[in-house]
Amino acid sequence: MQTVFNSQQKPQDYYADDNFCGRFPDAPNKCPFKDCLIAMPMKKHGYYRRYLIMAKFAGLLKIRRYVCPKCGRTVSMLPSFCLPRYTYGVEFIVCLMYIAIITGSKKKAAETFSKTVQCITRKQIRQYLSRLCQNRTLIQYGFDQISPGVVKDDDSPGDNEWTRRILVGKRPTLCPESNAEFHKAMGISFMSTRNRIA
């Protein structure tokens, strides 16, 4: 299981080298797995390495793991700039989608970062935008739990217009801080492939 926590540090602080200075939250006080839920603090279970790509950073991060003393399953603590199951960071993915929406061109969005991140493609950007539209109900419900009225479904005529409002709205809805809050409220990320809201 992966949990996203709000980190005020930079990705460089979690870089997996001798100068590692990343901070993680304390161990959970009880096992989060629904078939266990033992009220006993989890124990530190070392680190694993995870690759992250951002606009100005690419490298291996150290990610803290905790293990349940009863069921033996682990919980990984991801900093808020990471998205579970994605190599690219939150800000990078949101920025790609933002540029694609503003310019009306996925090609221009890919070219914007081609000097720093050569492996990004128009197909990936299209998939990210499609995932955002597919998760429309999940995102509206999740952000309504966190801060009612932030994401509205009032008169948006279609998914494209709704996506534009989410990415270009008055307040930045999708950012590392909101990623951690969303994950805490919903148990999954706003870019999840497991959309649980019908």
C-alpha atoms as a PDB file:
ATOM      1  CA  MET A   1       0.000   0.000   0.000  1.00  0.00           C
ATOM      2  CA  GLN A   2       1.212   3.505  -0.764  1.00  0.00           C
ATOM      3  CA  THR A   3       0.325   6.587   1.251  1.00  0.00           C
ATOM      4  CA  VAL A   4       1.022  10.161   0.132  1.00  0.00           C
ATOM      5  CA  PHE A   5       2.073  12.644   2.827  1.00  0.00           C
ATOM      6  CA  ASN A   6       2.468  16.413   2.588  1.00  0.00           C
ATOM      7  CA  SER A   7       6.171  17.164   2.244  1.00  0.00           C
ATOM      8  CA  GLN A   8       7.611  20.665   2.311  1.00  0.00           C
ATOM      9  CA  GLN A   9      10.976  19.388   1.103  1.00  0.00           C
ATOM     10  CA  LYS A  10      12.302  19.202  -2.448  1.00  0.00           C
ATOM     11  CA  PRO A  11      12.801  15.994  -4.440  1.00  0.00           C
ATOM     12  CA  GLN A  12      16.570  16.522  -4.093  1.00  0.00           C
ATOM     13  CA  ASP A  13      16.236  15.994  -0.315  1.00  0.00           C
ATOM     14  CA  TYR A  14      14.962  12.459  -0.932  1.00  0.00           C
ATOM     15  CA  TYR A  15      17.678  11.658  -3.468  1.00  0.00           C
ATOM     16  CA  ALA A  16      19.092   8.194  -2.765  1.00  0.00           C
ATOM     17  CA  ASP A  17      22.719   9.038  -1.957  1.00  0.00           C
ATOM     18  CA  ASP A  18      24.970   9.660   1.047  1.00  0.00           C
ATOM     19  CA  ASN A  19      23.531  13.168   1.603  1.00  0.00           C
ATOM     20  CA  PHE A  20      19.986  11.858   2.065  1.00  0.00           C
ATOM     21  CA  CYS A  21      18.034  14.242   4.354  1.00  0.00           C
ATOM     22  CA  GLY A  22      14.394  13.519   3.492  1.00  0.00           C
ATOM     23  CA  ARG A  23      11.922  13.482   6.354  1.00  0.00           C
ATOM     24  CA  PHE A  24       9.026  11.064   6.603  1.00  0.00           C
ATOM     25  CA  PRO A  25       6.032  11.001   8.950  1.00  0.00           C
ATOM     26  CA  ASP A  26       6.043   8.805  12.040  1.00  0.00           C
ATOM     27  CA  ALA A  27       4.908   5.223  11.719  1.00  0.00           C
ATOM     28  CA  PRO A  28       1.117   4.767  11.542  1.00  0.00           C
ATOM     29  CA  ASN A  29      -0.440   3.946  14.928  1.00  0.00           C
ATOM     30  CA  LYS A  30      -2.463   1.099  13.449  1.00  0.00           C
ATOM     31  CA  CYS A  31      -2.433  -1.113  10.400  1.00  0.00           C
ATOM     32  CA  PRO A  32      -4.410   0.545   7.556  1.00  0.00           C
ATOM     33  CA  PHE A  33      -5.403  -2.750   5.894  1.00  0.00           C
ATOM     34  CA  LYS A  34      -9.127  -3.329   6.395  1.00  0.00           C
ATOM     35  CA  ASP A  35      -8.796  -7.018   7.207  1.00  0.00           C
ATOM     36  CA  CYS A  36      -6.198  -6.321   9.938  1.00  0.00           C
ATOM     37  CA  LEU A  37      -6.616  -2.846  11.552  1.00  0.00           C
ATOM     38  CA  ILE A  38      -4.613  -3.910  14.628  1.00  0.00           C
ATOM     39  CA  ALA A  39      -4.142  -0.925  16.953  1.00  0.00           C
ATOM     40  CA  MET A  40      -0.382  -1.354  17.221  1.00  0.00           C
ATOM     41  CA  PRO A  41       2.243   1.025  15.789  1.00  0.00           C
ATOM     42  CA  MET A  42       3.835  -0.193  12.572  1.00  0.00           C
ATOM     43  CA  LYS A  43       7.602  -0.719  12.532  1.00  0.00           C
ATOM     44  CA  LYS A  44      10.223   0.807  10.255  1.00  0.00           C
ATOM     45  CA  HIS A  45      10.981  -1.579   7.414  1.00  0.00           C
ATOM     46  CA  GLY A  46      13.803   0.171   5.573  1.00  0.00           C
ATOM     47  CA  TYR A  47      13.624   2.004   2.274  1.00  0.00           C
ATOM     48  CA  TYR A  48      13.145   1.198  -1.375  1.00  0.00           C
ATOM     49  CA  ARG A  49      14.219   3.227  -4.373  1.00  0.00           C
ATOM     50  CA  ARG A  50      11.795   4.864  -6.766  1.00  0.00           C
ATOM     51  CA  TYR A  51      12.613   6.804  -9.920  1.00  0.00           C
ATOM     52  CA  LEU A  52      11.079  10.284 -10.287  1.00  0.00           C
ATOM     53  CA  ILE A  53      11.129  12.676 -13.237  1.00  0.00           C
ATOM     54  CA  MET A  54      10.304  16.361 -12.789  1.00  0.00           C
ATOM     55  CA  ALA A  55      11.068  19.396 -14.967  1.00  0.00           C
ATOM     56  CA  LYS A  56      14.307  20.133 -13.070  1.00  0.00           C
ATOM     57  CA  PHE A  57      14.991  16.793 -11.390  1.00  0.00           C
ATOM     58  CA  ALA A  58      15.386  13.183 -12.415  1.00  0.00           C
ATOM     59  CA  GLY A  59      16.742  10.490 -10.155  1.00  0.00           C
ATOM     60  CA  LEU A  60      16.206   7.763  -7.601  1.00  0.00           C
ATOM     61  CA  LEU A  61      14.432   8.658  -4.377  1.00  0.00           C
ATOM     62  CA  LYS A  62      14.483   6.805  -1.089  1.00  0.00           C
ATOM     63  CA  ILE A  63      10.973   5.903   0.044  1.00  0.00           C
ATOM     64  CA  ARG A  64      10.318   4.857   3.667  1.00  0.00           C
ATOM     65  CA  ARG A  65       8.409   1.638   4.348  1.00  0.00           C
ATOM     66  CA  TYR A  66       6.631   0.511   7.506  1.00  0.00           C
ATOM     67  CA  VAL A  67       5.524  -3.055   8.252  1.00  0.00           C
ATOM     68  CA  CYS A  68       2.583  -4.315  10.319  1.00  0.00           C
ATOM     69  CA  PRO A  69       3.800  -6.622  13.124  1.00  0.00           C
ATOM     70  CA  LYS A  70       0.670  -8.775  12.821  1.00  0.00           C
ATOM     71  CA  CYS A  71      -0.139  -9.242   9.111  1.00  0.00           C
ATOM     72  CA  GLY A  72       3.358  -8.485   7.752  1.00  0.00           C
ATOM     73  CA  ARG A  73       2.148  -6.153   4.987  1.00  0.00           C
ATOM     74  CA  THR A  74       3.918  -2.890   4.286  1.00  0.00           C
ATOM     75  CA  VAL A  75       2.941   0.746   3.802  1.00  0.00           C
ATOM     76  CA  SER A  76       5.157   3.046   1.721  1.00  0.00           C
ATOM     77  CA  MET A  77       5.272   6.785   2.388  1.00  0.00           C
ATOM     78  CA  LEU A  78       5.423   8.861  -0.802  1.00  0.00           C
ATOM     79  CA  PRO A  79       6.186  12.610  -0.615  1.00  0.00           C
ATOM     80  CA  SER A  80       3.364  14.790  -1.992  1.00  0.00           C
ATOM     81  CA  PHE A  81       5.186  15.594  -5.243  1.00  0.00           C
ATOM     82  CA  CYS A  82       4.995  11.876  -6.216  1.00  0.00           C
ATOM     83  CA  LEU A  83       1.997  10.149  -7.779  1.00  0.00           C
ATOM     84  CA  PRO A  84       1.489   6.460  -6.965  1.00  0.00           C
ATOM     85  CA  ARG A  85       2.277   4.283 -10.019  1.00  0.00           C
ATOM     86  CA  TYR A  86       3.620   7.222 -12.076  1.00  0.00           C
ATOM     87  CA  THR A  87       7.261   7.981 -12.883  1.00  0.00           C
ATOM     88  CA  TYR A  88       6.528  11.666 -13.497  1.00  0.00           C
ATOM     89  CA  GLY A  89       5.828  14.004 -10.578  1.00  0.00           C
ATOM     90  CA  VAL A  90       2.524  15.778  -9.885  1.00  0.00           C
ATOM     91  CA  GLU A  91       3.673  19.253 -10.908  1.00  0.00           C
ATOM     92  CA  PHE A  92       5.233  17.932 -14.106  1.00  0.00           C
ATOM     93  CA  ILE A  93       2.113  16.034 -15.218  1.00  0.00           C
ATOM     94  CA  VAL A  94      -0.188  18.955 -14.355  1.00  0.00           C
ATOM     95  CA  CYS A  95       2.137  21.388 -16.175  1.00  0.00           C
ATOM     96  CA  LEU A  96       2.143  19.183 -19.289  1.00  0.00           C
ATOM     97  CA  MET A  97      -1.663  19.031 -19.303  1.00  0.00           C
ATOM     98  CA  TYR A  98      -1.898  22.775 -18.609  1.00  0.00           C
ATOM     99  CA  ILE A  99       0.338  23.656 -21.586  1.00  0.00           C
ATOM    100  CA  ALA A 100      -1.573  21.237 -23.831  1.00  0.00           C
ATOM    101  CA  ILE A 101      -4.910  22.839 -22.843  1.00  0.00           C
ATOM    102  CA  ILE A 102      -3.677  26.460 -23.113  1.00  0.00           C
ATOM    103  CA  THR A 103      -1.926  26.019 -26.479  1.00  0.00           C
ATOM    104  CA  GLY A 104      -4.409  23.494 -27.829  1.00  0.00           C
ATOM    105  CA  SER A 105      -1.472  21.330 -28.885  1.00  0.00           C
ATOM    106  CA  LYS A 106      -0.058  18.205 -27.272  1.00  0.00           C
ATOM    107  CA  LYS A 107       2.934  18.508 -29.596  1.00  0.00           C
ATOM    108  CA  LYS A 108       3.829  21.958 -28.205  1.00  0.00           C
ATOM    109  CA  ALA A 109       3.488  20.631 -24.654  1.00  0.00           C
ATOM    110  CA  ALA A 110       5.886  17.760 -25.424  1.00  0.00           C
ATOM    111  CA  GLU A 111       8.325  20.102 -27.199  1.00  0.00           C
ATOM    112  CA  THR A 112       8.349  22.480 -24.210  1.00  0.00           C
ATOM    113  CA  PHE A 113      10.117  19.873 -22.102  1.00  0.00           C
ATOM    114  CA  SER A 114      11.972  18.009 -24.876  1.00  0.00           C
ATOM    115  CA  LYS A 115      15.366  19.444 -23.863  1.00  0.00           C
ATOM    116  CA  THR A 116      15.099  18.311 -20.244  1.00  0.00           C
ATOM    117  CA  VAL A 117      12.820  15.266 -20.566  1.00  0.00           C
ATOM    118  CA  GLN A 118      13.276  13.678 -23.963  1.00  0.00           C
ATOM    119  CA  CYS A 119      11.049  10.663 -23.366  1.00  0.00           C
ATOM    120  CA  ILE A 120       7.708  12.528 -23.032  1.00  0.00           C
ATOM    121  CA  THR A 121       5.345  11.968 -25.963  1.00  0.00           C
ATOM    122  CA  ARG A 122       2.060  13.370 -27.252  1.00  0.00           C
ATOM    123  CA  LYS A 123       0.501   9.966 -26.618  1.00  0.00           C
ATOM    124  CA  GLN A 124       1.367  10.193 -22.909  1.00  0.00           C
ATOM    125  CA  ILE A 125      -0.094  13.687 -22.657  1.00  0.00           C
ATOM    126  CA  ARG A 126      -3.268  12.503 -24.388  1.00  0.00           C
ATOM    127  CA  GLN A 127      -3.483   9.597 -21.903  1.00  0.00           C
ATOM    128  CA  TYR A 128      -3.056  11.978 -18.949  1.00  0.00           C
ATOM    129  CA  LEU A 129      -5.816  14.278 -20.222  1.00  0.00           C
ATOM    130  CA  SER A 130      -8.046  11.287 -20.905  1.00  0.00           C
ATOM    131  CA  ARG A 131      -7.424   9.918 -17.400  1.00  0.00           C
ATOM    132  CA  LEU A 132      -8.319  13.287 -15.896  1.00  0.00           C
ATOM    133  CA  CYS A 133     -11.629  13.256 -17.822  1.00  0.00           C
ATOM    134  CA  GLN A 134     -12.334   9.627 -16.884  1.00  0.00           C
ATOM    135  CA  ASN A 135     -11.810  10.482 -13.223  1.00  0.00           C
ATOM    136  CA  ARG A 136     -14.073  13.529 -13.378  1.00  0.00           C
ATOM    137  CA  THR A 137     -16.619  12.193 -10.869  1.00  0.00           C
ATOM    138  CA  LEU A 138     -13.885  10.893  -8.557  1.00  0.00           C
ATOM    139  CA  ILE A 139     -12.078  14.256  -8.616  1.00  0.00           C
ATOM    140  CA  GLN A 140     -15.252  16.249  -7.988  1.00  0.00           C
ATOM    141  CA  TYR A 141     -16.245  13.982  -5.099  1.00  0.00           C
ATOM    142  CA  GLY A 142     -12.733  13.954  -3.587  1.00  0.00           C
ATOM    143  CA  PHE A 143     -12.199  17.698  -3.699  1.00  0.00           C
ATOM    144  CA  ASP A 144     -15.727  18.244  -2.399  1.00  0.00           C
ATOM    145  CA  GLN A 145     -14.723  16.173   0.644  1.00  0.00           C
ATOM    146  CA  ILE A 146     -11.610  18.299   1.164  1.00  0.00           C
ATOM    147  CA  SER A 147     -13.027  21.744   0.354  1.00  0.00           C
ATOM    148  CA  PRO A 148     -16.663  21.948  -0.774  1.00  0.00           C
ATOM    149  CA  GLY A 149     -17.269  24.042  -3.876  1.00  0.00           C
ATOM    150  CA  VAL A 150     -13.681  24.070  -5.182  1.00  0.00           C
ATOM    151  CA  VAL A 151     -14.466  21.801  -8.140  1.00  0.00           C
ATOM    152  CA  LYS A 152     -17.913  22.492  -9.553  1.00  0.00           C
ATOM    153  CA  ASP A 153     -19.955  20.476 -12.023  1.00  0.00           C
ATOM    154  CA  ASP A 154     -22.523  23.193 -12.605  1.00  0.00           C
ATOM    155  CA  ASP A 155     -22.738  24.167 -16.254  1.00  0.00           C
ATOM    156  CA  SER A 156     -19.626  22.527 -17.742  1.00  0.00           C
ATOM    157  CA  PRO A 157     -20.835  21.309 -21.137  1.00  0.00           C
ATOM    158  CA  GLY A 158     -18.257  18.570 -21.609  1.00  0.00           C
ATOM    159  CA  ASP A 159     -15.125  16.893 -20.367  1.00  0.00           C
ATOM    160  CA  ASN A 160     -12.796  19.184 -22.319  1.00  0.00           C
ATOM    161  CA  GLU A 161     -14.281  22.354 -20.838  1.00  0.00           C
ATOM    162  CA  TRP A 162     -14.273  20.798 -17.355  1.00  0.00           C
ATOM    163  CA  THR A 163     -10.606  19.793 -17.769  1.00  0.00           C
ATOM    164  CA  ARG A 164      -9.782  23.343 -18.839  1.00  0.00           C
ATOM    165  CA  ARG A 165     -11.458  24.725 -15.683  1.00  0.00           C
ATOM    166  CA  ILE A 166      -9.574  22.293 -13.445  1.00  0.00           C
ATOM    167  CA  LEU A 167      -6.183  23.131 -14.969  1.00  0.00           C
ATOM    168  CA  VAL A 168      -6.661  26.834 -15.702  1.00  0.00           C
ATOM    169  CA  GLY A 169      -8.995  27.798 -12.858  1.00  0.00           C
ATOM    170  CA  LYS A 170      -8.558  30.750 -10.499  1.00  0.00           C
ATOM    171  CA  ARG A 171      -6.980  28.583  -7.806  1.00  0.00           C
ATOM    172  CA  PRO A 172      -4.481  25.791  -8.526  1.00  0.00           C
ATOM    173  CA  THR A 173      -6.578  22.736  -7.700  1.00  0.00           C
ATOM    174  CA  LEU A 174      -4.059  20.063  -8.640  1.00  0.00           C
ATOM    175  CA  CYS A 175      -0.799  20.656  -6.756  1.00  0.00           C
ATOM    176  CA  PRO A 176       1.427  18.565  -4.440  1.00  0.00           C
ATOM    177  CA  GLU A 177      -0.430  19.718  -1.301  1.00  0.00           C
ATOM    178  CA  SER A 178      -3.840  18.876  -2.751  1.00  0.00           C
ATOM    179  CA  ASN A 179      -2.408  15.558  -4.006  1.00  0.00           C
ATOM    180  CA  ALA A 180      -1.623  14.552  -0.394  1.00  0.00           C
ATOM    181  CA  GLU A 181      -5.018  15.764   0.885  1.00  0.00           C
ATOM    182  CA  PHE A 182      -6.865  14.004  -1.936  1.00  0.00           C
ATOM    183  CA  HIS A 183      -5.014  10.743  -1.323  1.00  0.00           C
ATOM    184  CA  LYS A 184      -5.744  10.942   2.408  1.00  0.00           C
ATOM    185  CA  ALA A 185      -9.471  11.569   1.811  1.00  0.00           C
ATOM    186  CA  MET A 186      -9.984   9.060  -1.023  1.00  0.00           C
ATOM    187  CA  GLY A 187      -7.266   6.441  -0.547  1.00  0.00           C
ATOM    188  CA  ILE A 188      -6.225   6.760  -4.220  1.00  0.00           C
ATOM    189  CA  SER A 189      -4.747   9.473  -6.425  1.00  0.00           C
ATOM    190  CA  PHE A 190      -6.694  11.793  -8.730  1.00  0.00           C
ATOM    191  CA  MET A 191      -4.902  10.105 -11.678  1.00  0.00           C
ATOM    192  CA  SER A 192      -5.750   6.604 -10.480  1.00  0.00           C
ATOM    193  CA  THR A 193      -6.681   3.866 -12.917  1.00  0.00           C
ATOM    194  CA  ARG A 194      -9.047   2.476 -10.274  1.00  0.00           C
ATOM    195  CA  ASN A 195     -11.872   5.021 -10.399  1.00  0.00           C
ATOM    196  CA  ARG A 196     -14.149   3.878  -7.584  1.00  0.00           C
ATOM    197  CA  ILE A 197     -16.874   6.518  -7.948  1.00  0.00           C
ATOM    198  CA  ALA A 198     -19.529   5.545 -10.516  1.00  0.00           C
END
